[in-house]
Amino acid sequence: MKTTVGETGQVTIPKPLRDRLRIRAGDVLDFVVERGRLVAIKASAPDKVDSVYGIIDLRAGTDSVIERMRGPGLPRRGSRGRRSVRPRPR
């Protein structure tokens, strides 16, 4: 199948090829030159786990990790950090 390069360098991939290779609008293609030919390779989607790996310092304690996630909170009260709740008289 042939296609024409436009003035801005854009190329339209013929629909039968897009359908066969499951190329959709917004997909990323890598272009390489192999033996004098232009080859388009559909870039693989980034792994979702890889995108968040290393965000949390596993050496830090749970309290410090949660504090960083939530931000500074109210000052602690009492020895255990909790307010005592007394029942209201009736």
Protein backbone atom coordinates (compact mmCIF):
# COMPACT_ATOMS: atom_id res chain seq x y z
CA MET A 1 0.00 0.00 0.00
CA LYS A 2 1.24 3.45 -0.86
CA THR A 3 0.64 6.77 0.80
CA THR A 4 1.91 10.31 0.27
CA VAL A 5 3.90 12.45 2.69
CA GLY A 6 2.13 15.77 3.27
CA GLU A 7 3.82 19.20 3.37
CA THR A 8 4.13 19.02 7.17
CA GLY A 9 5.67 15.53 7.05
CA GLN A 10 2.49 13.75 8.08
CA VAL A 11 1.72 10.33 6.69
CA THR A 12 -1.68 8.66 6.72
CA ILE A 13 -1.50 4.98 7.56
CA PRO A 14 -4.05 3.16 5.39
CA LYS A 15 -7.09 1.97 7.34
CA PRO A 16 -6.63 -1.76 6.57
CA LEU A 17 -3.14 -1.58 8.13
CA ARG A 18 -4.39 0.41 11.15
CA ASP A 19 -7.12 -2.17 11.72
CA ARG A 20 -4.78 -5.14 11.28
CA LEU A 21 -2.17 -3.70 13.65
CA ARG A 22 -4.75 -2.22 16.06
CA ILE A 23 -3.30 1.27 15.70
CA ARG A 24 -5.67 3.87 17.11
CA ALA A 25 -5.64 7.68 17.26
CA GLY A 26 -3.21 8.77 19.96
CA ASP A 27 -1.02 5.65 19.75
CA VAL A 28 2.72 6.32 19.70
CA LEU A 29 4.91 4.96 16.91
CA ASP A 30 8.70 4.74 16.94
CA PHE A 31 10.41 5.28 13.60
CA VAL A 32 13.73 3.60 12.81
CA VAL A 33 15.79 3.13 9.68
CA GLU A 34 16.69 -0.48 8.87
CA ARG A 35 18.69 -1.29 5.72
CA GLY A 36 17.67 2.01 4.16
CA ARG A 37 13.97 1.52 4.89
CA LEU A 38 11.76 3.50 7.24
CA VAL A 39 10.14 1.18 9.77
CA ALA A 40 7.36 2.22 12.15
CA ILE A 41 7.09 0.25 15.38
CA LYS A 42 4.08 0.57 17.65
CA ALA A 43 5.48 1.66 21.00
CA SER A 44 4.41 -0.55 23.87
CA ALA A 45 2.35 1.05 26.60
CA PRO A 46 4.31 1.85 29.74
CA ASP A 47 3.83 -0.67 32.52
CA LYS A 48 1.58 0.81 35.21
CA VAL A 49 3.66 -0.75 37.97
CA ASP A 50 6.89 0.68 36.52
CA SER A 51 5.38 4.16 36.52
CA VAL A 52 4.88 4.12 40.31
CA TYR A 53 7.77 1.88 41.38
CA GLY A 54 10.06 3.59 43.88
CA ILE A 55 7.66 6.36 44.92
CA ILE A 56 7.47 5.10 48.50
CA ASP A 57 10.61 4.64 50.56
CA LEU A 58 10.23 1.11 51.88
CA ARG A 59 12.79 1.76 54.62
CA ALA A 60 10.56 4.42 56.16
CA GLY A 61 8.03 3.43 58.79
CA THR A 62 4.34 3.28 58.05
CA ASP A 63 3.58 6.39 60.11
CA SER A 64 6.08 8.53 58.21
CA VAL A 65 4.82 7.29 54.83
CA ILE A 66 1.20 8.07 55.74
CA GLU A 67 2.19 11.46 57.16
CA ARG A 68 3.94 12.34 53.89
CA MET A 69 0.88 11.26 51.92
CA ARG A 70 -1.59 13.19 54.07
CA GLY A 71 0.58 16.18 54.91
CA PRO A 72 1.02 17.72 58.32
CA GLY A 73 -1.91 17.09 60.61
CA LEU A 74 -3.19 18.41 63.88
CA PRO A 75 -0.90 18.20 66.91
CA ARG A 76 -1.21 15.00 68.87
CA ARG A 77 -2.97 14.97 72.23
CA GLY A 78 -2.26 12.65 75.12
CA SER A 79 0.32 9.93 75.34
CA ARG A 80 -1.24 7.77 72.65
CA GLY A 81 -2.11 10.56 70.26
CA ARG A 82 -5.85 10.17 70.78
CA ARG A 83 -8.43 12.37 72.40
CA SER A 84 -10.43 10.77 75.14
CA VAL A 85 -14.15 10.88 74.60
CA ARG A 86 -16.38 11.01 77.64
CA PRO A 87 -20.05 10.16 77.41
CA ARG A 88 -22.33 13.15 77.84
CA PRO A 89 -24.47 13.17 80.97
CA ARG A 90 -28.19 12.77 80.36
